[in-house]
Amino acid sequence: MDKAFAAACFTRMTGRNVEVCEEIPGGLSSAEKFYVKAGNRDSFVKVTGEALDFSVYETLRAMHEAGIHVIAPLQWEYFRGEKKSVLIYDWKPGETLDAVLERCTDAEKAMYGKKAAALLREFHGFANAPGKYKRPYRLYKRYASCIFRNRIRYPNKKEMAGFVRRNRKELKKRRSAALTHQDFRPGNILVREDVLYLFDFETTYSSDPYSDFVFCISMQPDSHIPYSRALIEEYFDGDVPEVFWLRTVFYCIMAVQKYAIWKYRRKGRMVRLQAEHLYALYDGLRTVTPSFWRDLK
């Protein structure tokens, strides 16, 4: 994507002439990001090849106005000819939480885990969850069908499918609906003056709030364990329901599925490592509590 496209979209949407447009490298998604300067105002522009559900951004704006620390876009538009969605944000300097955690003590990581839990509770607790509720078990079956058709292989795939079959009665139940981020990880949390702000909502939809704990359970680096423990403890005020553990195993299995579908051809080794890590984390799927939580007890 030429940055000229981002600059042209910015001018069309805001009416302001662009003086500087610089691509921002990095990130795990395929979305392209740009720093834009127009007059005395700095902006952040994101361009993605997805037709986004813009009702989510209306809700995010309402969250922001209610005082919840989300970085909501100011403007958005889908350019049908190019099949691109463009989002414009105020430029907010800061540092991502994953970078901050790299230099923290365990006590500081736990402190940030508690702050992240408070932010996630506010996000889940907002009254208006837009859009149709996406049933997790139905999504699981769709992913499984895609994996079968494309003959994607990864370690312990049959064992994971067996776990889901054995527990499908519970996993098919609908839980309370909430707006879920679906990529709630320190890399998508901005730290400014020790305050946390959630951003990057391209995968956000209405579903089971427990699905937002995948990263802090099965995809965390070992150095993040104090952060993750504190996040879970604080979110539930120290009383974690048993069904949470069962359902998060399921969501972690779904995360392996999604990663395999999107990344297998380019990052097959990483998919295999993630699947192996998940299997070990749950002692060969003989338990529904991850090893770092069992060690804590």
C-alpha atoms as a PDB file:
ATOM      1  CA  MET A   1       0.000   0.000   0.000  1.00  0.00           C
ATOM      2  CA  ASP A   2       1.442   3.337  -1.049  1.00  0.00           C
ATOM      3  CA  LYS A   3       1.324   5.919   1.718  1.00  0.00           C
ATOM      4  CA  ALA A   4      -0.093   8.314  -0.879  1.00  0.00           C
ATOM      5  CA  PHE A   5      -3.380   6.393  -0.562  1.00  0.00           C
ATOM      6  CA  ALA A   6      -3.460   6.944   3.196  1.00  0.00           C
ATOM      7  CA  ALA A   7      -2.701  10.648   2.751  1.00  0.00           C
ATOM      8  CA  ALA A   8      -5.391  11.048   0.081  1.00  0.00           C
ATOM      9  CA  CYS A   9      -7.983   9.305   2.243  1.00  0.00           C
ATOM     10  CA  PHE A  10      -7.052  11.467   5.217  1.00  0.00           C
ATOM     11  CA  THR A  11      -7.549  14.665   3.186  1.00  0.00           C
ATOM     12  CA  ARG A  12     -10.841  13.451   1.750  1.00  0.00           C
ATOM     13  CA  MET A  13     -12.185  12.491   5.185  1.00  0.00           C
ATOM     14  CA  THR A  14     -10.974  15.510   7.181  1.00  0.00           C
ATOM     15  CA  GLY A  15     -10.571  18.277   4.597  1.00  0.00           C
ATOM     16  CA  ARG A  16      -7.057  18.952   5.942  1.00  0.00           C
ATOM     17  CA  ASN A  17      -3.951  18.953   3.751  1.00  0.00           C
ATOM     18  CA  VAL A  18      -1.266  16.473   4.753  1.00  0.00           C
ATOM     19  CA  GLU A  19       2.195  17.838   5.453  1.00  0.00           C
ATOM     20  CA  VAL A  20       3.828  14.617   6.671  1.00  0.00           C
ATOM     21  CA  CYS A  21       2.764  10.994   6.186  1.00  0.00           C
ATOM     22  CA  GLU A  22       5.110   8.328   7.543  1.00  0.00           C
ATOM     23  CA  GLU A  23       4.485   4.597   7.689  1.00  0.00           C
ATOM     24  CA  ILE A  24       4.778   3.013  11.139  1.00  0.00           C
ATOM     25  CA  PRO A  25       6.425  -0.421  10.885  1.00  0.00           C
ATOM     26  CA  GLY A  26       5.744  -3.421  13.079  1.00  0.00           C
ATOM     27  CA  GLY A  27       2.678  -5.032  14.583  1.00  0.00           C
ATOM     28  CA  LEU A  28       1.234  -8.515  14.161  1.00  0.00           C
ATOM     29  CA  SER A  29      -1.733  -7.659  11.950  1.00  0.00           C
ATOM     30  CA  SER A  30      -1.752  -6.992   8.212  1.00  0.00           C
ATOM     31  CA  ALA A  31      -3.176  -3.492   8.760  1.00  0.00           C
ATOM     32  CA  GLU A  32      -0.935  -0.609   7.688  1.00  0.00           C
ATOM     33  CA  LYS A  33      -0.358   2.273  10.066  1.00  0.00           C
ATOM     34  CA  PHE A  34       0.725   5.862   9.431  1.00  0.00           C
ATOM     35  CA  TYR A  35       1.693   8.943  11.357  1.00  0.00           C
ATOM     36  CA  VAL A  36       0.102  11.999   9.723  1.00  0.00           C
ATOM     37  CA  LYS A  37       0.781  15.673  10.436  1.00  0.00           C
ATOM     38  CA  ALA A  38      -1.724  18.216   9.102  1.00  0.00           C
ATOM     39  CA  GLY A  39      -1.432  21.774  10.369  1.00  0.00           C
ATOM     40  CA  ASN A  40      -0.857  21.820  14.099  1.00  0.00           C
ATOM     41  CA  ARG A  41      -2.532  18.432  14.654  1.00  0.00           C
ATOM     42  CA  ASP A  42      -0.971  14.970  14.648  1.00  0.00           C
ATOM     43  CA  SER A  43      -3.018  11.917  13.715  1.00  0.00           C
ATOM     44  CA  PHE A  44      -2.727   8.145  13.532  1.00  0.00           C
ATOM     45  CA  VAL A  45      -4.208   6.486  10.426  1.00  0.00           C
ATOM     46  CA  LYS A  46      -4.891   2.774  10.060  1.00  0.00           C
ATOM     47  CA  VAL A  47      -5.700   1.102   6.732  1.00  0.00           C
ATOM     48  CA  THR A  48      -7.036  -2.454   6.669  1.00  0.00           C
ATOM     49  CA  GLY A  49      -8.358  -4.688   3.927  1.00  0.00           C
ATOM     50  CA  GLU A  50     -11.440  -5.651   5.951  1.00  0.00           C
ATOM     51  CA  ALA A  51     -14.978  -4.323   5.746  1.00  0.00           C
ATOM     52  CA  LEU A  52     -15.306  -3.505   9.431  1.00  0.00           C
ATOM     53  CA  ASP A  53     -18.435  -3.388  11.568  1.00  0.00           C
ATOM     54  CA  PHE A  54     -18.501   0.351  12.190  1.00  0.00           C
ATOM     55  CA  SER A  55     -21.232   0.035  14.831  1.00  0.00           C
ATOM     56  CA  VAL A  56     -18.421  -1.144  17.102  1.00  0.00           C
ATOM     57  CA  TYR A  57     -16.706   2.219  16.703  1.00  0.00           C
ATOM     58  CA  GLU A  58     -19.888   4.057  17.620  1.00  0.00           C
ATOM     59  CA  THR A  59     -19.916   2.049  20.846  1.00  0.00           C
ATOM     60  CA  LEU A  60     -16.224   2.748  21.438  1.00  0.00           C
ATOM     61  CA  ARG A  61     -16.878   6.454  21.057  1.00  0.00           C
ATOM     62  CA  ALA A  62     -19.659   6.179  23.644  1.00  0.00           C
ATOM     63  CA  MET A  63     -17.269   4.288  25.950  1.00  0.00           C
ATOM     64  CA  HIS A  64     -14.689   7.026  25.577  1.00  0.00           C
ATOM     65  CA  GLU A  65     -17.285   9.698  26.347  1.00  0.00           C
ATOM     66  CA  ALA A  66     -18.286   7.695  29.445  1.00  0.00           C
ATOM     67  CA  GLY A  67     -14.703   7.868  30.723  1.00  0.00           C
ATOM     68  CA  ILE A  68     -13.537   4.345  29.832  1.00  0.00           C
ATOM     69  CA  HIS A  69      -9.926   4.358  28.663  1.00  0.00           C
ATOM     70  CA  VAL A  70     -10.298   3.184  25.073  1.00  0.00           C
ATOM     71  CA  ILE A  71      -8.575   4.841  22.132  1.00  0.00           C
ATOM     72  CA  ALA A  72     -11.527   5.280  19.809  1.00  0.00           C
ATOM     73  CA  PRO A  73     -11.210   6.517  16.207  1.00  0.00           C
ATOM     74  CA  LEU A  74     -12.551   9.960  15.402  1.00  0.00           C
ATOM     75  CA  GLN A  75     -13.534   9.105  11.828  1.00  0.00           C
ATOM     76  CA  TRP A  76     -13.861   6.001   9.711  1.00  0.00           C
ATOM     77  CA  GLU A  77     -14.872   5.100   6.177  1.00  0.00           C
ATOM     78  CA  TYR A  78     -14.928   2.067   3.886  1.00  0.00           C
ATOM     79  CA  PHE A  79     -13.548   2.729   0.390  1.00  0.00           C
ATOM     80  CA  ARG A  80     -15.447   0.208  -1.671  1.00  0.00           C
ATOM     81  CA  GLY A  81     -13.396   0.578  -4.856  1.00  0.00           C
ATOM     82  CA  GLU A  82     -10.147  -0.249  -3.066  1.00  0.00           C
ATOM     83  CA  LYS A  83     -11.845  -2.602  -0.560  1.00  0.00           C
ATOM     84  CA  LYS A  84     -10.114  -0.807   2.296  1.00  0.00           C
ATOM     85  CA  SER A  85     -11.323   0.531   5.640  1.00  0.00           C
ATOM     86  CA  VAL A  86      -9.611   3.695   6.877  1.00  0.00           C
ATOM     87  CA  LEU A  87      -9.635   4.767  10.532  1.00  0.00           C
ATOM     88  CA  ILE A  88      -8.360   8.105  11.825  1.00  0.00           C
ATOM     89  CA  TYR A  89      -7.307   8.637  15.448  1.00  0.00           C
ATOM     90  CA  ASP A  90      -5.778  11.460  17.425  1.00  0.00           C
ATOM     91  CA  TRP A  91      -2.062  10.799  17.817  1.00  0.00           C
ATOM     92  CA  LYS A  92      -1.474   9.657  21.406  1.00  0.00           C
ATOM     93  CA  PRO A  93       2.183   9.274  22.379  1.00  0.00           C
ATOM     94  CA  GLY A  94       2.960   6.527  24.834  1.00  0.00           C
ATOM     95  CA  GLU A  95       4.476   3.065  25.151  1.00  0.00           C
ATOM     96  CA  THR A  96       2.838  -0.316  24.727  1.00  0.00           C
ATOM     97  CA  LEU A  97       2.423  -2.362  27.882  1.00  0.00           C
ATOM     98  CA  ASP A  98       4.465  -5.266  26.516  1.00  0.00           C
ATOM     99  CA  ALA A  99       7.486  -2.962  26.241  1.00  0.00           C
ATOM    100  CA  VAL A 100       6.892  -1.676  29.777  1.00  0.00           C
ATOM    101  CA  LEU A 101       6.611  -5.201  31.216  1.00  0.00           C
ATOM    102  CA  GLU A 102      10.008  -6.135  29.791  1.00  0.00           C
ATOM    103  CA  ARG A 103      11.751  -3.926  32.358  1.00  0.00           C
ATOM    104  CA  CYS A 104       9.387  -4.417  35.329  1.00  0.00           C
ATOM    105  CA  THR A 105       9.879  -6.353  38.544  1.00  0.00           C
ATOM    106  CA  ASP A 106       7.392  -9.115  39.319  1.00  0.00           C
ATOM    107  CA  ALA A 107       5.597  -6.806  41.761  1.00  0.00           C
ATOM    108  CA  GLU A 108       5.274  -4.125  39.089  1.00  0.00           C
ATOM    109  CA  LYS A 109       3.990  -6.692  36.582  1.00  0.00           C
ATOM    110  CA  ALA A 110       1.315  -7.718  39.087  1.00  0.00           C
ATOM    111  CA  MET A 111       0.363  -4.067  39.554  1.00  0.00           C
ATOM    112  CA  TYR A 112      -0.123  -3.662  35.806  1.00  0.00           C
ATOM    113  CA  GLY A 113      -2.118  -6.907  35.752  1.00  0.00           C
ATOM    114  CA  LYS A 114      -4.557  -5.405  38.248  1.00  0.00           C
ATOM    115  CA  LYS A 115      -4.856  -2.227  36.181  1.00  0.00           C
ATOM    116  CA  ALA A 116      -5.469  -4.282  33.030  1.00  0.00           C
ATOM    117  CA  ALA A 117      -8.188  -6.250  34.860  1.00  0.00           C
ATOM    118  CA  ALA A 118      -9.955  -3.039  35.882  1.00  0.00           C
ATOM    119  CA  LEU A 119      -9.838  -1.807  32.281  1.00  0.00           C
ATOM    120  CA  LEU A 120     -11.154  -5.118  30.915  1.00  0.00           C
ATOM    121  CA  ARG A 121     -13.996  -5.189  33.462  1.00  0.00           C
ATOM    122  CA  GLU A 122     -15.074  -1.717  32.401  1.00  0.00           C
ATOM    123  CA  PHE A 123     -14.865  -2.703  28.738  1.00  0.00           C
ATOM    124  CA  HIS A 124     -16.965  -5.847  29.260  1.00  0.00           C
ATOM    125  CA  GLY A 125     -19.399  -4.087  31.540  1.00  0.00           C
ATOM    126  CA  PHE A 126     -20.418  -1.350  29.120  1.00  0.00           C
ATOM    127  CA  ALA A 127     -24.169  -1.597  28.585  1.00  0.00           C
ATOM    128  CA  ASN A 128     -24.399  -1.492  24.782  1.00  0.00           C
ATOM    129  CA  ALA A 129     -22.837  -4.513  23.045  1.00  0.00           C
ATOM    130  CA  PRO A 130     -23.494  -3.905  19.323  1.00  0.00           C
ATOM    131  CA  GLY A 131     -23.984  -6.399  16.554  1.00  0.00           C
ATOM    132  CA  LYS A 132     -25.024 -10.041  16.497  1.00  0.00           C
ATOM    133  CA  TYR A 133     -23.718 -12.325  19.246  1.00  0.00           C
ATOM    134  CA  LYS A 134     -21.138 -14.716  17.781  1.00  0.00           C
ATOM    135  CA  ARG A 135     -21.587 -18.142  19.299  1.00  0.00           C
ATOM    136  CA  PRO A 136     -18.128 -19.556  20.132  1.00  0.00           C
ATOM    137  CA  TYR A 137     -19.007 -23.206  19.492  1.00  0.00           C
ATOM    138  CA  ARG A 138     -20.367 -22.343  16.059  1.00  0.00           C
ATOM    139  CA  LEU A 139     -17.134 -20.482  15.270  1.00  0.00           C
ATOM    140  CA  TYR A 140     -15.142 -23.493  16.480  1.00  0.00           C
ATOM    141  CA  LYS A 141     -16.980 -25.775  14.041  1.00  0.00           C
ATOM    142  CA  ARG A 142     -16.345 -23.330  11.200  1.00  0.00           C
ATOM    143  CA  TYR A 143     -12.623 -23.218  11.978  1.00  0.00           C
ATOM    144  CA  ALA A 144     -12.481 -27.021  12.281  1.00  0.00           C
ATOM    145  CA  SER A 145     -14.104 -27.384   8.851  1.00  0.00           C
ATOM    146  CA  CYS A 146     -11.570 -24.972   7.332  1.00  0.00           C
ATOM    147  CA  ILE A 147      -8.666 -26.886   8.895  1.00  0.00           C
ATOM    148  CA  PHE A 148     -10.039 -30.198   7.545  1.00  0.00           C
ATOM    149  CA  ARG A 149     -10.533 -28.836   4.010  1.00  0.00           C
ATOM    150  CA  ASN A 150      -7.017 -27.407   3.893  1.00  0.00           C
ATOM    151  CA  ARG A 151      -5.422 -30.461   5.543  1.00  0.00           C
ATOM    152  CA  ILE A 152      -3.693 -28.331   8.160  1.00  0.00           C
ATOM    153  CA  ARG A 153      -1.790 -30.370  10.719  1.00  0.00           C
ATOM    154  CA  TYR A 154      -0.395 -29.464  14.111  1.00  0.00           C
ATOM    155  CA  PRO A 155       0.542 -31.497  17.216  1.00  0.00           C
ATOM    156  CA  ASN A 156      -2.281 -32.976  19.347  1.00  0.00           C
ATOM    157  CA  LYS A 157      -5.019 -31.749  17.007  1.00  0.00           C
ATOM    158  CA  LYS A 158      -7.085 -34.912  17.584  1.00  0.00           C
ATOM    159  CA  GLU A 159      -6.699 -34.674  21.349  1.00  0.00           C
ATOM    160  CA  MET A 160      -7.905 -31.066  21.287  1.00  0.00           C
ATOM    161  CA  ALA A 161     -10.916 -32.023  19.174  1.00  0.00           C
ATOM    162  CA  GLY A 162     -11.642 -34.862  21.614  1.00  0.00           C
ATOM    163  CA  PHE A 163     -11.602 -32.447  24.555  1.00  0.00           C
ATOM    164  CA  VAL A 164     -14.164 -30.249  22.823  1.00  0.00           C
ATOM    165  CA  ARG A 165     -16.389 -33.235  21.981  1.00  0.00           C
ATOM    166  CA  ARG A 166     -16.350 -34.449  25.588  1.00  0.00           C
ATOM    167  CA  ASN A 167     -17.368 -31.020  26.886  1.00  0.00           C
ATOM    168  CA  ARG A 168     -19.579 -29.850  24.045  1.00  0.00           C
ATOM    169  CA  LYS A 169     -22.738 -29.785  26.178  1.00  0.00           C
ATOM    170  CA  GLU A 170     -21.269 -27.077  28.411  1.00  0.00           C
ATOM    171  CA  LEU A 171     -19.417 -25.310  25.595  1.00  0.00           C
ATOM    172  CA  LYS A 172     -22.563 -24.944  23.492  1.00  0.00           C
ATOM    173  CA  LYS A 173     -24.315 -22.985  26.244  1.00  0.00           C
ATOM    174  CA  ARG A 174     -24.659 -19.285  25.592  1.00  0.00           C
ATOM    175  CA  ARG A 175     -23.085 -17.070  28.230  1.00  0.00           C
ATOM    176  CA  SER A 176     -23.728 -13.415  28.914  1.00  0.00           C
ATOM    177  CA  ALA A 177     -22.988 -11.180  25.948  1.00  0.00           C
ATOM    178  CA  ALA A 178     -20.366  -8.469  26.084  1.00  0.00           C
ATOM    179  CA  LEU A 179     -18.292  -6.535  23.624  1.00  0.00           C
ATOM    180  CA  THR A 180     -15.102  -8.589  23.455  1.00  0.00           C
ATOM    181  CA  HIS A 181     -11.764  -7.337  22.198  1.00  0.00           C
ATOM    182  CA  GLN A 182     -10.551 -10.753  20.921  1.00  0.00           C
ATOM    183  CA  ASP A 183      -6.900  -9.650  21.022  1.00  0.00           C
ATOM    184  CA  PHE A 184      -6.538  -8.444  24.599  1.00  0.00           C
ATOM    185  CA  ARG A 185      -2.771  -8.498  25.104  1.00  0.00           C
ATOM    186  CA  PRO A 186      -0.152  -6.050  26.390  1.00  0.00           C
ATOM    187  CA  GLY A 187       0.813  -5.139  22.819  1.00  0.00           C
ATOM    188  CA  ASN A 188      -2.657  -3.613  22.383  1.00  0.00           C
ATOM    189  CA  ILE A 189      -2.572  -1.583  25.592  1.00  0.00           C
ATOM    190  CA  LEU A 190      -0.980   1.871  25.631  1.00  0.00           C
ATOM    191  CA  VAL A 191       0.654   3.225  28.786  1.00  0.00           C
ATOM    192  CA  ARG A 192       0.577   7.010  29.247  1.00  0.00           C
ATOM    193  CA  GLU A 193       1.643   8.502  32.564  1.00  0.00           C
ATOM    194  CA  ASP A 194       1.041   5.075  34.167  1.00  0.00           C
ATOM    195  CA  VAL A 195      -2.574   4.935  32.905  1.00  0.00           C
ATOM    196  CA  LEU A 196      -3.655   2.085  30.595  1.00  0.00           C
ATOM    197  CA  TYR A 197      -5.592   2.659  27.364  1.00  0.00           C
ATOM    198  CA  LEU A 198      -6.977  -0.149  25.203  1.00  0.00           C
ATOM    199  CA  PHE A 199      -6.685   0.086  21.411  1.00  0.00           C
ATOM    200  CA  ASP A 200      -6.782  -1.952  18.168  1.00  0.00           C
ATOM    201  CA  PHE A 201     -10.417  -3.055  17.837  1.00  0.00           C
ATOM    202  CA  GLU A 202     -10.478  -4.571  14.333  1.00  0.00           C
ATOM    203  CA  THR A 203     -11.308  -8.041  15.746  1.00  0.00           C
ATOM    204  CA  THR A 204     -13.865  -6.811  18.283  1.00  0.00           C
ATOM    205  CA  TYR A 205     -17.354  -8.351  18.397  1.00  0.00           C
ATOM    206  CA  SER A 206     -20.134  -9.333  20.819  1.00  0.00           C
ATOM    207  CA  SER A 207     -19.482 -12.710  22.479  1.00  0.00           C
ATOM    208  CA  ASP A 208     -18.534 -14.457  25.745  1.00  0.00           C
ATOM    209  CA  PRO A 209     -16.243 -12.174  27.826  1.00  0.00           C
ATOM    210  CA  TYR A 210     -14.163 -15.173  28.943  1.00  0.00           C
ATOM    211  CA  SER A 211     -12.802 -15.390  25.394  1.00  0.00           C
ATOM    212  CA  ASP A 212     -10.654 -12.297  26.089  1.00  0.00           C
ATOM    213  CA  PHE A 213      -8.334 -14.224  28.428  1.00  0.00           C
ATOM    214  CA  VAL A 214      -6.609 -16.333  25.766  1.00  0.00           C
ATOM    215  CA  PHE A 215      -3.407 -14.292  25.630  1.00  0.00           C
ATOM    216  CA  CYS A 216      -2.877 -14.054  29.364  1.00  0.00           C
ATOM    217  CA  ILE A 217      -3.290 -17.837  29.705  1.00  0.00           C
ATOM    218  CA  SER A 218      -1.870 -19.704  26.727  1.00  0.00           C
ATOM    219  CA  MET A 219       0.006 -17.158  24.602  1.00  0.00           C
ATOM    220  CA  GLN A 220       1.968 -15.272  27.241  1.00  0.00           C
ATOM    221  CA  PRO A 221       5.746 -15.436  27.520  1.00  0.00           C
ATOM    222  CA  ASP A 222       6.933 -16.864  30.842  1.00  0.00           C
ATOM    223  CA  SER A 223       7.998 -13.391  31.948  1.00  0.00           C
ATOM    224  CA  HIS A 224       4.333 -12.283  31.867  1.00  0.00           C
ATOM    225  CA  ILE A 225       3.100 -14.853  34.408  1.00  0.00           C
ATOM    226  CA  PRO A 226       2.917 -12.404  37.379  1.00  0.00           C
ATOM    227  CA  TYR A 227       0.929 -10.021  35.166  1.00  0.00           C
ATOM    228  CA  SER A 228      -1.470 -12.752  34.068  1.00  0.00           C
ATOM    229  CA  ARG A 229      -2.047 -14.146  37.550  1.00  0.00           C
ATOM    230  CA  ALA A 230      -2.869 -10.703  38.902  1.00  0.00           C
ATOM    231  CA  LEU A 231      -5.148  -9.929  35.945  1.00  0.00           C
ATOM    232  CA  ILE A 232      -7.272 -13.038  36.521  1.00  0.00           C
ATOM    233  CA  GLU A 233      -7.371 -12.649  40.324  1.00  0.00           C
ATOM    234  CA  GLU A 234      -8.362  -8.981  40.124  1.00  0.00           C
ATOM    235  CA  TYR A 235     -10.959  -9.449  37.395  1.00  0.00           C
ATOM    236  CA  PHE A 236     -12.833 -11.964  39.565  1.00  0.00           C
ATOM    237  CA  ASP A 237     -12.063 -10.354  42.940  1.00  0.00           C
ATOM    238  CA  GLY A 238     -10.177 -13.491  43.951  1.00  0.00           C
ATOM    239  CA  ASP A 239     -13.099 -15.861  43.313  1.00  0.00           C
ATOM    240  CA  VAL A 240     -12.507 -17.450  39.893  1.00  0.00           C
ATOM    241  CA  PRO A 241     -15.513 -19.594  38.817  1.00  0.00           C
ATOM    242  CA  GLU A 242     -14.739 -23.179  37.835  1.00  0.00           C
ATOM    243  CA  VAL A 243     -16.544 -22.794  34.506  1.00  0.00           C
ATOM    244  CA  PHE A 244     -14.073 -20.046  33.591  1.00  0.00           C
ATOM    245  CA  TRP A 245     -11.235 -22.575  33.417  1.00  0.00           C
ATOM    246  CA  LEU A 246     -13.184 -25.060  31.306  1.00  0.00           C
ATOM    247  CA  ARG A 247     -14.277 -22.418  28.834  1.00  0.00           C
ATOM    248  CA  THR A 248     -10.849 -20.814  28.548  1.00  0.00           C
ATOM    249  CA  VAL A 249      -9.295 -24.158  27.577  1.00  0.00           C
ATOM    250  CA  PHE A 250     -11.831 -24.164  24.747  1.00  0.00           C
ATOM    251  CA  TYR A 251     -10.948 -20.591  23.729  1.00  0.00           C
ATOM    252  CA  CYS A 252      -7.248 -21.422  23.814  1.00  0.00           C
ATOM    253  CA  ILE A 253      -7.898 -24.373  21.481  1.00  0.00           C
ATOM    254  CA  MET A 254      -9.809 -22.016  19.193  1.00  0.00           C
ATOM    255  CA  ALA A 255      -6.817 -19.650  19.233  1.00  0.00           C
ATOM    256  CA  VAL A 256      -4.590 -22.476  17.950  1.00  0.00           C
ATOM    257  CA  GLN A 257      -7.158 -23.148  15.217  1.00  0.00           C
ATOM    258  CA  LYS A 258      -7.296 -19.515  14.120  1.00  0.00           C
ATOM    259  CA  TYR A 259      -3.526 -19.146  14.176  1.00  0.00           C
ATOM    260  CA  ALA A 260      -3.132 -22.315  12.117  1.00  0.00           C
ATOM    261  CA  ILE A 261      -5.631 -21.109   9.503  1.00  0.00           C
ATOM    262  CA  TRP A 262      -4.050 -17.671   9.137  1.00  0.00           C
ATOM    263  CA  LYS A 263      -0.373 -18.480   9.597  1.00  0.00           C
ATOM    264  CA  TYR A 264       0.365 -22.129   8.835  1.00  0.00           C
ATOM    265  CA  ARG A 265       1.839 -21.710   5.359  1.00  0.00           C
ATOM    266  CA  ARG A 266       4.214 -18.936   6.431  1.00  0.00           C
ATOM    267  CA  LYS A 267       4.781 -19.806  10.086  1.00  0.00           C
ATOM    268  CA  GLY A 268       4.154 -23.514  10.411  1.00  0.00           C
ATOM    269  CA  ARG A 269       6.836 -23.942  13.065  1.00  0.00           C
ATOM    270  CA  MET A 270       5.276 -21.252  15.274  1.00  0.00           C
ATOM    271  CA  VAL A 271       1.846 -22.893  14.928  1.00  0.00           C
ATOM    272  CA  ARG A 272       3.324 -26.222  16.030  1.00  0.00           C
ATOM    273  CA  LEU A 273       5.072 -24.612  19.008  1.00  0.00           C
ATOM    274  CA  GLN A 274       1.854 -22.909  20.098  1.00  0.00           C
ATOM    275  CA  ALA A 275      -0.062 -26.201  19.904  1.00  0.00           C
ATOM    276  CA  GLU A 276       2.656 -28.026  21.874  1.00  0.00           C
ATOM    277  CA  HIS A 277       2.727 -25.281  24.494  1.00  0.00           C
ATOM    278  CA  LEU A 278      -1.040 -25.448  24.969  1.00  0.00           C
ATOM    279  CA  TYR A 279      -0.954 -29.230  25.373  1.00  0.00           C
ATOM    280  CA  ALA A 280       1.796 -29.014  28.002  1.00  0.00           C
ATOM    281  CA  LEU A 281       0.133 -26.095  29.794  1.00  0.00           C
ATOM    282  CA  TYR A 282      -2.906 -28.266  30.529  1.00  0.00           C
ATOM    283  CA  ASP A 283      -0.969 -31.461  31.310  1.00  0.00           C
ATOM    284  CA  GLY A 284      -2.038 -33.191  28.128  1.00  0.00           C
ATOM    285  CA  LEU A 285      -5.581 -31.808  28.516  1.00  0.00           C
ATOM    286  CA  ARG A 286      -6.044 -33.844  31.710  1.00  0.00           C
ATOM    287  CA  THR A 287      -6.818 -30.659  33.651  1.00  0.00           C
ATOM    288  CA  VAL A 288      -8.622 -27.412  32.897  1.00  0.00           C
ATOM    289  CA  THR A 289      -6.356 -25.191  34.992  1.00  0.00           C
ATOM    290  CA  PRO A 290      -3.073 -24.052  33.424  1.00  0.00           C
ATOM    291  CA  SER A 291       0.219 -25.022  35.054  1.00  0.00           C
ATOM    292  CA  PHE A 292       1.089 -21.481  36.138  1.00  0.00           C
ATOM    293  CA  TRP A 293      -2.180 -21.343  38.123  1.00  0.00           C
ATOM    294  CA  ARG A 294      -1.732 -24.823  39.622  1.00  0.00           C
ATOM    295  CA  ASP A 295       1.774 -23.833  40.736  1.00  0.00           C
ATOM    296  CA  LEU A 296       0.314 -20.745  42.427  1.00  0.00           C
ATOM    297  CA  LYS A 297      -2.033 -22.893  44.518  1.00  0.00           C
END
